[in-house]
Amino acid sequence: MKQERRSIRLKEYDYSLAGAYFVTICAHKRECLFGEVLDGQMRLNDAGRLIQAAWESLPEYYPHVVLDVWVVMPNHFHGVIILVGAGLKPAQTENRHGLPEIVRAMKTFSSRRINEMRGTSGVPVWQRNYFERVIRNDNEMHRSREYIVNNPAKWDLDRENPVNSYARKYESEIADW
């Protein structure tokens, strides 16, 4: 019996609306593929640099996209993406794409280039889904930016860090940093 995928998106929300979104994309099986954190600084490897290039190229393909802060981590990516438009209405451009399409493109661009580099055509780089949070106000934007900028320095406590059993044990207590 085929298992149905359950969407984690807000059911009634239009993800093509102008606004800011905090996005997290995790590597397939949370493997550390994109570099390492040394002395609180992220050191990208070639795969990490390809993700950086794919992310930074998004506004070339999607003119209504503005990139804010972002970070490639060893096994995941965080970024704030802003879809520009008039107020809360979708911008009136010919090829207006919503957040799901833009994230899908980023994952596809980076996966294809990483697999070409590794000679591993079709091997998953990313998990099938991603996490997003609609940023509703200046305070949330500030907290999102702060979290992303400080993420490498807090890697030792990060629940995505596969060698950190402490983070898993005390996940509920450290989830809000």
C-alpha atoms as a PDB file:
ATOM      1  CA  MET A   1       0.000   0.000   0.000  1.00  0.00           C
ATOM      2  CA  LYS A   2       1.405   3.363  -1.040  1.00  0.00           C
ATOM      3  CA  GLN A   3       1.894   5.734   1.882  1.00  0.00           C
ATOM      4  CA  GLU A   4       0.567   9.258   1.342  1.00  0.00           C
ATOM      5  CA  ARG A   5       2.796  12.213   2.123  1.00  0.00           C
ATOM      6  CA  ARG A   6       1.270  14.634   4.565  1.00  0.00           C
ATOM      7  CA  SER A   7       1.833  18.312   3.850  1.00  0.00           C
ATOM      8  CA  ILE A   8       3.275  20.436   6.627  1.00  0.00           C
ATOM      9  CA  ARG A   9       2.225  23.681   4.912  1.00  0.00           C
ATOM     10  CA  LEU A  10      -0.570  25.851   6.305  1.00  0.00           C
ATOM     11  CA  LYS A  11      -3.697  24.592   4.535  1.00  0.00           C
ATOM     12  CA  GLU A  12      -5.339  27.911   3.727  1.00  0.00           C
ATOM     13  CA  TYR A  13      -2.206  30.027   3.272  1.00  0.00           C
ATOM     14  CA  ASP A  14      -1.178  31.362  -0.138  1.00  0.00           C
ATOM     15  CA  TYR A  15       2.610  30.966  -0.300  1.00  0.00           C
ATOM     16  CA  SER A  16       2.827  33.322  -3.268  1.00  0.00           C
ATOM     17  CA  LEU A  17       1.838  36.250  -1.031  1.00  0.00           C
ATOM     18  CA  ALA A  18       4.357  38.997  -0.548  1.00  0.00           C
ATOM     19  CA  GLY A  19       6.195  38.542   2.713  1.00  0.00           C
ATOM     20  CA  ALA A  20       9.206  37.071   4.450  1.00  0.00           C
ATOM     21  CA  TYR A  21       9.715  33.381   5.096  1.00  0.00           C
ATOM     22  CA  PHE A  22      12.250  31.508   7.244  1.00  0.00           C
ATOM     23  CA  VAL A  23      13.172  28.313   5.371  1.00  0.00           C
ATOM     24  CA  THR A  24      15.046  25.226   6.614  1.00  0.00           C
ATOM     25  CA  ILE A  25      16.041  22.437   4.247  1.00  0.00           C
ATOM     26  CA  CYS A  26      17.704  19.293   5.631  1.00  0.00           C
ATOM     27  CA  ALA A  27      20.104  16.982   3.842  1.00  0.00           C
ATOM     28  CA  HIS A  28      18.906  13.496   2.928  1.00  0.00           C
ATOM     29  CA  LYS A  29      19.097  11.337   6.067  1.00  0.00           C
ATOM     30  CA  ARG A  30      20.641  14.411   7.734  1.00  0.00           C
ATOM     31  CA  GLU A  31      24.049  13.442   6.388  1.00  0.00           C
ATOM     32  CA  CYS A  32      26.807  16.010   6.861  1.00  0.00           C
ATOM     33  CA  LEU A  33      27.521  16.684   3.186  1.00  0.00           C
ATOM     34  CA  PHE A  34      28.144  20.418   2.934  1.00  0.00           C
ATOM     35  CA  GLY A  35      31.216  21.143   5.062  1.00  0.00           C
ATOM     36  CA  GLU A  36      32.068  21.384   8.735  1.00  0.00           C
ATOM     37  CA  VAL A  37      31.951  23.819  11.611  1.00  0.00           C
ATOM     38  CA  LEU A  38      35.374  24.718  12.992  1.00  0.00           C
ATOM     39  CA  ASP A  39      35.783  27.159  15.865  1.00  0.00           C
ATOM     40  CA  GLY A  40      32.181  28.303  15.476  1.00  0.00           C
ATOM     41  CA  GLN A  41      32.586  29.106  11.766  1.00  0.00           C
ATOM     42  CA  MET A  42      31.056  27.160   8.885  1.00  0.00           C
ATOM     43  CA  ARG A  43      33.659  25.945   6.390  1.00  0.00           C
ATOM     44  CA  LEU A  44      31.923  25.030   3.152  1.00  0.00           C
ATOM     45  CA  ASN A  45      33.205  22.186   1.013  1.00  0.00           C
ATOM     46  CA  ASP A  46      32.539  22.018  -2.742  1.00  0.00           C
ATOM     47  CA  ALA A  47      28.973  20.773  -2.204  1.00  0.00           C
ATOM     48  CA  GLY A  48      28.323  23.596   0.266  1.00  0.00           C
ATOM     49  CA  ARG A  49      29.628  26.138  -2.229  1.00  0.00           C
ATOM     50  CA  LEU A  50      27.274  24.730  -4.873  1.00  0.00           C
ATOM     51  CA  ILE A  51      24.348  25.239  -2.480  1.00  0.00           C
ATOM     52  CA  GLN A  52      25.528  28.789  -1.863  1.00  0.00           C
ATOM     53  CA  ALA A  53      25.650  29.428  -5.619  1.00  0.00           C
ATOM     54  CA  ALA A  54      22.192  27.914  -6.172  1.00  0.00           C
ATOM     55  CA  TRP A  55      20.679  30.049  -3.389  1.00  0.00           C
ATOM     56  CA  GLU A  56      22.370  33.242  -4.559  1.00  0.00           C
ATOM     57  CA  SER A  57      21.168  32.655  -8.140  1.00  0.00           C
ATOM     58  CA  LEU A  58      17.464  32.472  -7.225  1.00  0.00           C
ATOM     59  CA  PRO A  59      16.760  36.202  -7.869  1.00  0.00           C
ATOM     60  CA  GLU A  60      18.083  35.764 -11.430  1.00  0.00           C
ATOM     61  CA  TYR A  61      15.277  33.280 -12.135  1.00  0.00           C
ATOM     62  CA  TYR A  62      12.665  34.778  -9.826  1.00  0.00           C
ATOM     63  CA  PRO A  63      12.770  38.600  -9.991  1.00  0.00           C
ATOM     64  CA  HIS A  64      10.228  38.927  -7.149  1.00  0.00           C
ATOM     65  CA  VAL A  65      12.651  37.201  -4.736  1.00  0.00           C
ATOM     66  CA  VAL A  66      14.953  39.072  -2.353  1.00  0.00           C
ATOM     67  CA  LEU A  67      17.390  37.027  -0.291  1.00  0.00           C
ATOM     68  CA  ASP A  68      18.071  38.041   3.277  1.00  0.00           C
ATOM     69  CA  VAL A  69      20.401  36.219   5.692  1.00  0.00           C
ATOM     70  CA  TRP A  70      21.211  32.565   5.119  1.00  0.00           C
ATOM     71  CA  VAL A  71      23.663  29.889   6.180  1.00  0.00           C
ATOM     72  CA  VAL A  72      24.708  26.521   4.817  1.00  0.00           C
ATOM     73  CA  MET A  73      25.343  24.141   7.713  1.00  0.00           C
ATOM     74  CA  PRO A  74      26.961  20.665   7.553  1.00  0.00           C
ATOM     75  CA  ASN A  75      23.616  18.912   7.021  1.00  0.00           C
ATOM     76  CA  HIS A  76      21.020  21.628   6.543  1.00  0.00           C
ATOM     77  CA  PHE A  77      20.349  25.095   5.212  1.00  0.00           C
ATOM     78  CA  HIS A  78      18.575  28.080   6.768  1.00  0.00           C
ATOM     79  CA  GLY A  79      17.564  31.193   4.878  1.00  0.00           C
ATOM     80  CA  VAL A  80      15.174  34.110   4.926  1.00  0.00           C
ATOM     81  CA  ILE A  81      13.555  34.700   1.582  1.00  0.00           C
ATOM     82  CA  ILE A  82      11.356  37.698   0.830  1.00  0.00           C
ATOM     83  CA  LEU A  83       8.718  37.624  -1.886  1.00  0.00           C
ATOM     84  CA  VAL A  84       8.123  41.212  -2.917  1.00  0.00           C
ATOM     85  CA  GLY A  85       4.794  42.595  -4.019  1.00  0.00           C
ATOM     86  CA  ALA A  86       2.234  45.273  -3.291  1.00  0.00           C
ATOM     87  CA  GLY A  87       0.944  44.847   0.249  1.00  0.00           C
ATOM     88  CA  LEU A  88      -0.373  41.362   0.886  1.00  0.00           C
ATOM     89  CA  LYS A  89      -1.350  40.710  -2.710  1.00  0.00           C
ATOM     90  CA  PRO A  90       0.857  38.650  -5.012  1.00  0.00           C
ATOM     91  CA  ALA A  91       3.079  40.813  -7.192  1.00  0.00           C
ATOM     92  CA  GLN A  92       1.707  41.155 -10.684  1.00  0.00           C
ATOM     93  CA  THR A  93       4.485  39.588 -12.699  1.00  0.00           C
ATOM     94  CA  GLU A  94       4.044  37.182 -15.587  1.00  0.00           C
ATOM     95  CA  ASN A  95       5.727  34.208 -13.942  1.00  0.00           C
ATOM     96  CA  ARG A  96       4.936  34.677 -10.280  1.00  0.00           C
ATOM     97  CA  HIS A  97       6.088  31.625  -8.342  1.00  0.00           C
ATOM     98  CA  GLY A  98       5.273  30.847  -4.738  1.00  0.00           C
ATOM     99  CA  LEU A  99       7.615  29.675  -2.023  1.00  0.00           C
ATOM    100  CA  PRO A 100       7.166  25.924  -2.715  1.00  0.00           C
ATOM    101  CA  GLU A 101       8.217  26.326  -6.347  1.00  0.00           C
ATOM    102  CA  ILE A 102      11.214  28.485  -5.405  1.00  0.00           C
ATOM    103  CA  VAL A 103      12.422  26.031  -2.738  1.00  0.00           C
ATOM    104  CA  ARG A 104      11.920  23.142  -5.171  1.00  0.00           C
ATOM    105  CA  ALA A 105      14.049  24.977  -7.737  1.00  0.00           C
ATOM    106  CA  MET A 106      16.816  25.621  -5.201  1.00  0.00           C
ATOM    107  CA  LYS A 107      16.840  21.955  -4.200  1.00  0.00           C
ATOM    108  CA  THR A 108      16.824  20.828  -7.839  1.00  0.00           C
ATOM    109  CA  PHE A 109      19.577  23.246  -8.961  1.00  0.00           C
ATOM    110  CA  SER A 110      21.861  22.335  -6.076  1.00  0.00           C
ATOM    111  CA  SER A 111      21.171  18.576  -6.207  1.00  0.00           C
ATOM    112  CA  ARG A 112      21.857  18.397  -9.913  1.00  0.00           C
ATOM    113  CA  ARG A 113      25.168  20.256  -9.587  1.00  0.00           C
ATOM    114  CA  ILE A 114      26.272  18.268  -6.515  1.00  0.00           C
ATOM    115  CA  ASN A 115      25.465  14.965  -8.228  1.00  0.00           C
ATOM    116  CA  GLU A 116      27.332  16.058 -11.368  1.00  0.00           C
ATOM    117  CA  MET A 117      30.350  16.920  -9.211  1.00  0.00           C
ATOM    118  CA  ARG A 118      30.200  13.563  -7.378  1.00  0.00           C
ATOM    119  CA  GLY A 119      29.300  11.508 -10.431  1.00  0.00           C
ATOM    120  CA  THR A 120      26.186  10.238  -8.641  1.00  0.00           C
ATOM    121  CA  SER A 121      23.265  10.986 -10.944  1.00  0.00           C
ATOM    122  CA  GLY A 122      19.892  10.951  -9.214  1.00  0.00           C
ATOM    123  CA  VAL A 123      21.167  10.345  -5.669  1.00  0.00           C
ATOM    124  CA  PRO A 124      19.080  12.326  -3.147  1.00  0.00           C
ATOM    125  CA  VAL A 125      20.855  15.304  -1.608  1.00  0.00           C
ATOM    126  CA  TRP A 126      17.896  16.796   0.262  1.00  0.00           C
ATOM    127  CA  GLN A 127      15.000  15.443   2.293  1.00  0.00           C
ATOM    128  CA  ARG A 128      11.759  15.445   0.347  1.00  0.00           C
ATOM    129  CA  ASN A 129      10.165  18.216   2.374  1.00  0.00           C
ATOM    130  CA  TYR A 130      11.321  21.441   3.988  1.00  0.00           C
ATOM    131  CA  PHE A 131      10.265  23.592   6.906  1.00  0.00           C
ATOM    132  CA  GLU A 132       9.072  27.160   6.645  1.00  0.00           C
ATOM    133  CA  ARG A 133       7.799  29.820   8.962  1.00  0.00           C
ATOM    134  CA  VAL A 134       5.933  32.906   7.848  1.00  0.00           C
ATOM    135  CA  ILE A 135       7.712  35.892   9.408  1.00  0.00           C
ATOM    136  CA  ARG A 136       4.893  38.095  10.669  1.00  0.00           C
ATOM    137  CA  ASN A 137       6.606  41.125  12.188  1.00  0.00           C
ATOM    138  CA  ASP A 138       9.895  42.927  12.838  1.00  0.00           C
ATOM    139  CA  ASN A 139      10.530  41.028  16.063  1.00  0.00           C
ATOM    140  CA  GLU A 140      10.231  37.662  14.299  1.00  0.00           C
ATOM    141  CA  MET A 141      12.491  38.933  11.513  1.00  0.00           C
ATOM    142  CA  HIS A 142      15.102  40.014  14.068  1.00  0.00           C
ATOM    143  CA  ARG A 143      14.940  36.652  15.878  1.00  0.00           C
ATOM    144  CA  SER A 144      15.145  34.732  12.588  1.00  0.00           C
ATOM    145  CA  ARG A 145      18.175  36.692  11.447  1.00  0.00           C
ATOM    146  CA  GLU A 146      19.871  36.279  14.810  1.00  0.00           C
ATOM    147  CA  TYR A 147      19.232  32.525  14.821  1.00  0.00           C
ATOM    148  CA  ILE A 148      20.651  32.083  11.320  1.00  0.00           C
ATOM    149  CA  VAL A 149      23.733  34.255  11.887  1.00  0.00           C
ATOM    150  CA  ASN A 150      24.524  32.482  15.168  1.00  0.00           C
ATOM    151  CA  ASN A 151      23.760  28.958  13.945  1.00  0.00           C
ATOM    152  CA  PRO A 152      27.388  27.931  13.249  1.00  0.00           C
ATOM    153  CA  ALA A 153      28.533  29.131  16.679  1.00  0.00           C
ATOM    154  CA  LYS A 154      25.800  27.007  18.289  1.00  0.00           C
ATOM    155  CA  TRP A 155      26.452  23.884  16.190  1.00  0.00           C
ATOM    156  CA  ASP A 156      27.628  21.935  19.234  1.00  0.00           C
ATOM    157  CA  LEU A 157      24.126  22.333  20.724  1.00  0.00           C
ATOM    158  CA  ASP A 158      22.210  22.036  17.441  1.00  0.00           C
ATOM    159  CA  ARG A 159      19.648  19.233  17.349  1.00  0.00           C
ATOM    160  CA  GLU A 160      20.645  18.678  13.700  1.00  0.00           C
ATOM    161  CA  ASN A 161      24.223  17.888  14.776  1.00  0.00           C
ATOM    162  CA  PRO A 162      24.432  14.078  14.529  1.00  0.00           C
ATOM    163  CA  VAL A 163      27.209  13.804  17.117  1.00  0.00           C
ATOM    164  CA  ASN A 164      25.328  15.791  19.715  1.00  0.00           C
ATOM    165  CA  SER A 165      23.355  13.456  21.948  1.00  0.00           C
ATOM    166  CA  TYR A 166      23.036  16.265  24.525  1.00  0.00           C
ATOM    167  CA  ALA A 167      20.870  18.288  22.145  1.00  0.00           C
ATOM    168  CA  ARG A 168      18.531  15.359  21.579  1.00  0.00           C
ATOM    169  CA  LYS A 169      18.273  14.607  25.306  1.00  0.00           C
ATOM    170  CA  TYR A 170      17.438  18.221  26.219  1.00  0.00           C
ATOM    171  CA  GLU A 171      15.788  19.223  22.937  1.00  0.00           C
ATOM    172  CA  SER A 172      12.689  20.741  24.521  1.00  0.00           C
ATOM    173  CA  GLU A 173      14.773  22.960  26.813  1.00  0.00           C
ATOM    174  CA  ILE A 174      17.066  24.346  24.095  1.00  0.00           C
ATOM    175  CA  ALA A 175      14.531  24.514  21.250  1.00  0.00           C
ATOM    176  CA  ASP A 176      13.900  28.229  21.718  1.00  0.00           C
ATOM    177  CA  TRP A 177      17.423  29.599  21.469  1.00  0.00           C
END
